[in-house]
Amino acid sequence: MSVAGKRIKRTRLVQSERYVVAVEVEMVIPEDDPGEPCDDPDAVMFLRDVADHAARGDLDWLRQRGKVYQLLDAA
C-alpha cells in the first residue's frame, strides 16, 4: 500500500529503554494535503521492526540499519 505524493527522506529516532536508534525513512507529502509530510506505511512497519529489535537489544541488526546510541549509567 502506497500513498501518492512527493517522497522525501528524513531521519527518525526510535527510543527504547536502553537505546536510541537514528534511521532514515521515506516520508510522503500527500497530494491531497501537502501541508506536512507523513510516514509512508512501509516506513511505519520498518520503525516498528526497529523498535522491536531495540527492545531485544539486537545491536548487530540495528547497526546495519542506522546509528545506535546507548544509555550510559551515571557514575
C-alpha atoms as a PDB file:
ATOM      1  CA  MET A   1       0.000   0.000   0.000  1.00  0.00           C
ATOM      2  CA  SER A   2       1.445   3.336  -1.001  1.00  0.00           C
ATOM      3  CA  VAL A   3       0.280   6.923  -0.626  1.00  0.00           C
ATOM      4  CA  ALA A   4       0.511   9.138  -3.717  1.00  0.00           C
ATOM      5  CA  GLY A   5       2.665  12.220  -3.390  1.00  0.00           C
ATOM      6  CA  LYS A   6       6.203  13.541  -3.329  1.00  0.00           C
ATOM      7  CA  ARG A   7       8.727  11.333  -1.499  1.00  0.00           C
ATOM      8  CA  ILE A   8      11.390  12.750   0.808  1.00  0.00           C
ATOM      9  CA  LYS A   9      13.986  11.168   3.122  1.00  0.00           C
ATOM     10  CA  ARG A  10      14.029  12.058   6.814  1.00  0.00           C
ATOM     11  CA  THR A  11      15.865  10.790   9.876  1.00  0.00           C
ATOM     12  CA  ARG A  12      13.604   9.401  12.570  1.00  0.00           C
ATOM     13  CA  LEU A  13      14.589   8.481  16.122  1.00  0.00           C
ATOM     14  CA  VAL A  14      13.330   5.302  17.752  1.00  0.00           C
ATOM     15  CA  GLN A  15      13.742   5.131  21.533  1.00  0.00           C
ATOM     16  CA  SER A  16      13.807   2.052  23.735  1.00  0.00           C
ATOM     17  CA  GLU A  17      14.728   1.653  27.387  1.00  0.00           C
ATOM     18  CA  ARG A  18      18.483   1.429  26.666  1.00  0.00           C
ATOM     19  CA  TYR A  19      18.927   2.677  23.086  1.00  0.00           C
ATOM     20  CA  VAL A  20      18.035   5.450  20.679  1.00  0.00           C
ATOM     21  CA  VAL A  21      18.331   4.477  17.021  1.00  0.00           C
ATOM     22  CA  ALA A  22      18.532   7.061  14.227  1.00  0.00           C
ATOM     23  CA  VAL A  23      17.243   5.615  10.942  1.00  0.00           C
ATOM     24  CA  GLU A  24      16.471   7.150   7.571  1.00  0.00           C
ATOM     25  CA  VAL A  25      12.925   6.602   6.314  1.00  0.00           C
ATOM     26  CA  GLU A  26      10.913   7.724   3.338  1.00  0.00           C
ATOM     27  CA  MET A  27       8.095  10.139   4.071  1.00  0.00           C
ATOM     28  CA  VAL A  28       5.418  11.305   1.690  1.00  0.00           C
ATOM     29  CA  ILE A  29       3.866  14.704   1.126  1.00  0.00           C
ATOM     30  CA  PRO A  30       0.309  13.724   0.120  1.00  0.00           C
ATOM     31  CA  GLU A  31      -1.164  15.380  -2.957  1.00  0.00           C
ATOM     32  CA  ASP A  32      -4.475  15.901  -1.111  1.00  0.00           C
ATOM     33  CA  ASP A  33      -2.863  17.502   1.979  1.00  0.00           C
ATOM     34  CA  PRO A  34       0.573  18.951   1.172  1.00  0.00           C
ATOM     35  CA  GLY A  35       0.846  20.842   4.466  1.00  0.00           C
ATOM     36  CA  GLU A  36       3.048  18.332   6.259  1.00  0.00           C
ATOM     37  CA  PRO A  37       4.933  15.137   5.344  1.00  0.00           C
ATOM     38  CA  CYS A  38       3.648  11.912   6.829  1.00  0.00           C
ATOM     39  CA  ASP A  39       5.043   8.423   7.253  1.00  0.00           C
ATOM     40  CA  ASP A  40       4.689   6.014   4.384  1.00  0.00           C
ATOM     41  CA  PRO A  41       3.016   2.754   5.523  1.00  0.00           C
ATOM     42  CA  ASP A  42       6.216   0.817   4.739  1.00  0.00           C
ATOM     43  CA  ALA A  43       8.158   3.250   6.931  1.00  0.00           C
ATOM     44  CA  VAL A  44       5.748   2.644   9.810  1.00  0.00           C
ATOM     45  CA  MET A  45       6.360  -1.113   9.593  1.00  0.00           C
ATOM     46  CA  PHE A  46      10.123  -0.526   9.448  1.00  0.00           C
ATOM     47  CA  LEU A  47      10.004   1.731  12.518  1.00  0.00           C
ATOM     48  CA  ARG A  48       8.081  -0.978  14.402  1.00  0.00           C
ATOM     49  CA  ASP A  49      10.765  -3.512  13.442  1.00  0.00           C
ATOM     50  CA  VAL A  50      13.467  -1.139  14.689  1.00  0.00           C
ATOM     51  CA  ALA A  51      11.600  -0.664  17.981  1.00  0.00           C
ATOM     52  CA  ASP A  52      11.234  -4.446  18.425  1.00  0.00           C
ATOM     53  CA  HIS A  53      14.930  -5.084  17.757  1.00  0.00           C
ATOM     54  CA  ALA A  54      15.929  -2.209  20.068  1.00  0.00           C
ATOM     55  CA  ALA A  55      13.766  -3.639  22.859  1.00  0.00           C
ATOM     56  CA  ARG A  56      15.509  -7.007  22.430  1.00  0.00           C
ATOM     57  CA  GLY A  57      18.971  -5.406  22.313  1.00  0.00           C
ATOM     58  CA  ASP A  58      19.768  -6.766  18.826  1.00  0.00           C
ATOM     59  CA  LEU A  59      22.693  -4.408  18.199  1.00  0.00           C
ATOM     60  CA  ASP A  60      24.015  -6.178  15.095  1.00  0.00           C
ATOM     61  CA  TRP A  61      20.671  -5.749  13.309  1.00  0.00           C
ATOM     62  CA  LEU A  62      20.298  -2.150  14.479  1.00  0.00           C
ATOM     63  CA  ARG A  63      23.822  -1.104  13.436  1.00  0.00           C
ATOM     64  CA  GLN A  64      23.160  -2.352   9.905  1.00  0.00           C
ATOM     65  CA  ARG A  65      20.160  -0.034   9.612  1.00  0.00           C
ATOM     66  CA  GLY A  66      21.121   3.137  11.427  1.00  0.00           C
ATOM     67  CA  LYS A  67      23.121   4.850  14.135  1.00  0.00           C
ATOM     68  CA  VAL A  68      22.718   3.405  17.609  1.00  0.00           C
ATOM     69  CA  TYR A  69      23.093   5.478  20.771  1.00  0.00           C
ATOM     70  CA  GLN A  70      23.267   3.687  24.112  1.00  0.00           C
ATOM     71  CA  LEU A  71      22.217   4.942  27.542  1.00  0.00           C
ATOM     72  CA  LEU A  72      25.171   5.214  29.913  1.00  0.00           C
ATOM     73  CA  ASP A  73      24.664   4.781  33.630  1.00  0.00           C
ATOM     74  CA  ALA A  74      25.532   7.818  35.714  1.00  0.00           C
ATOM     75  CA  ALA A  75      28.637   7.481  37.843  1.00  0.00           C
END
